């Protein structure tokens, strides 16, 4: 994701797993979480649908 104001409301396409983020940054996240739990969390990519701007949750 660009680090500026050019990212439109479709920012959800930039979501990645924690494992990918660790590879990209060199940082380690969730190092105090038990390994079995951490590996499951690190593999997941958030897939919650983000509604278009201007629509509330009840108007779909």
C-alpha atoms as a PDB file:
ATOM      1  CA  UNK A   1       0.000   0.000   0.000  1.00  0.00           C
ATOM      2  CA  UNK A   2       1.422   3.371  -0.896  1.00  0.00           C
ATOM      3  CA  UNK A   3       2.294   5.552   2.075  1.00  0.00           C
ATOM      4  CA  UNK A   4       0.380   8.591   0.841  1.00  0.00           C
ATOM      5  CA  UNK A   5      -3.154   9.847   0.247  1.00  0.00           C
ATOM      6  CA  UNK A   6      -3.450   8.198  -3.193  1.00  0.00           C
ATOM      7  CA  UNK A   7      -5.059   5.010  -1.851  1.00  0.00           C
ATOM      8  CA  UNK A   8      -8.751   5.095  -2.777  1.00  0.00           C
ATOM      9  CA  UNK A   9     -11.563   3.520  -0.831  1.00  0.00           C
ATOM     10  CA  UNK A  10     -10.608   0.160  -2.352  1.00  0.00           C
ATOM     11  CA  UNK A  11      -7.773  -0.217   0.166  1.00  0.00           C
ATOM     12  CA  UNK A  12      -8.985  -3.707   1.111  1.00  0.00           C
ATOM     13  CA  UNK A  13      -7.116  -5.178  -1.873  1.00  0.00           C
ATOM     14  CA  UNK A  14      -3.859  -4.439  -0.030  1.00  0.00           C
ATOM     15  CA  UNK A  15      -4.609  -6.851   2.839  1.00  0.00           C
ATOM     16  CA  UNK A  16      -1.965  -9.525   3.370  1.00  0.00           C
ATOM     17  CA  UNK A  17      -1.225 -12.176   5.960  1.00  0.00           C
ATOM     18  CA  UNK A  18       0.936 -11.435   8.977  1.00  0.00           C
ATOM     19  CA  UNK A  19       3.446 -13.970   7.595  1.00  0.00           C
ATOM     20  CA  UNK A  20       3.732 -11.970   4.360  1.00  0.00           C
ATOM     21  CA  UNK A  21       4.048  -8.747   6.330  1.00  0.00           C
ATOM     22  CA  UNK A  22       6.878 -10.277   8.363  1.00  0.00           C
ATOM     23  CA  UNK A  23       8.689 -11.245   5.147  1.00  0.00           C
ATOM     24  CA  UNK A  24       8.245  -7.772   3.693  1.00  0.00           C
ATOM     25  CA  UNK A  25       9.334  -5.869   6.802  1.00  0.00           C
ATOM     26  CA  UNK A  26      11.779  -8.169   8.572  1.00  0.00           C
ATOM     27  CA  UNK A  27       9.787  -7.731  11.780  1.00  0.00           C
ATOM     28  CA  UNK A  28       8.446 -10.601  13.892  1.00  0.00           C
ATOM     29  CA  UNK A  29       4.890 -10.313  15.165  1.00  0.00           C
ATOM     30  CA  UNK A  30       3.046 -12.396  17.750  1.00  0.00           C
ATOM     31  CA  UNK A  31       6.320 -13.705  19.222  1.00  0.00           C
ATOM     32  CA  UNK A  32       4.743 -14.135  22.674  1.00  0.00           C
ATOM     33  CA  UNK A  33       1.799 -16.146  21.381  1.00  0.00           C
ATOM     34  CA  UNK A  34       2.103 -19.956  21.508  1.00  0.00           C
ATOM     35  CA  UNK A  35       3.618 -21.148  18.183  1.00  0.00           C
ATOM     36  CA  UNK A  36       0.609 -23.248  17.117  1.00  0.00           C
ATOM     37  CA  UNK A  37      -1.743 -20.307  17.628  1.00  0.00           C
ATOM     38  CA  UNK A  38       0.656 -17.783  16.076  1.00  0.00           C
ATOM     39  CA  UNK A  39       1.185 -19.839  12.908  1.00  0.00           C
ATOM     40  CA  UNK A  40      -2.580 -20.146  12.386  1.00  0.00           C
ATOM     41  CA  UNK A  41      -3.070 -16.407  12.889  1.00  0.00           C
ATOM     42  CA  UNK A  42      -0.099 -15.495  10.688  1.00  0.00           C
ATOM     43  CA  UNK A  43      -1.408 -17.548   7.770  1.00  0.00           C
ATOM     44  CA  UNK A  44      -4.849 -15.906   7.689  1.00  0.00           C
ATOM     45  CA  UNK A  45      -5.734 -12.931   5.504  1.00  0.00           C
ATOM     46  CA  UNK A  46      -8.695 -10.826   6.613  1.00  0.00           C
ATOM     47  CA  UNK A  47     -11.497 -11.379   4.107  1.00  0.00           C
ATOM     48  CA  UNK A  48     -14.280  -9.362   5.724  1.00  0.00           C
ATOM     49  CA  UNK A  49     -16.235  -7.559   3.021  1.00  0.00           C
ATOM     50  CA  UNK A  50     -15.756  -3.803   3.139  1.00  0.00           C
ATOM     51  CA  UNK A  51     -18.904  -2.054   1.844  1.00  0.00           C
ATOM     52  CA  UNK A  52     -18.477   0.824  -0.601  1.00  0.00           C
ATOM     53  CA  UNK A  53     -18.356   4.275   0.963  1.00  0.00           C
ATOM     54  CA  UNK A  54     -21.710   5.903   1.514  1.00  0.00           C
ATOM     55  CA  UNK A  55     -23.566   2.675   2.257  1.00  0.00           C
ATOM     56  CA  UNK A  56     -24.343   1.765   5.821  1.00  0.00           C
ATOM     57  CA  UNK A  57     -24.422  -1.829   6.988  1.00  0.00           C
ATOM     58  CA  UNK A  58     -28.244  -1.875   7.114  1.00  0.00           C
ATOM     59  CA  UNK A  59     -28.752  -0.552   3.570  1.00  0.00           C
ATOM     60  CA  UNK A  60     -27.465  -3.612   1.673  1.00  0.00           C
END
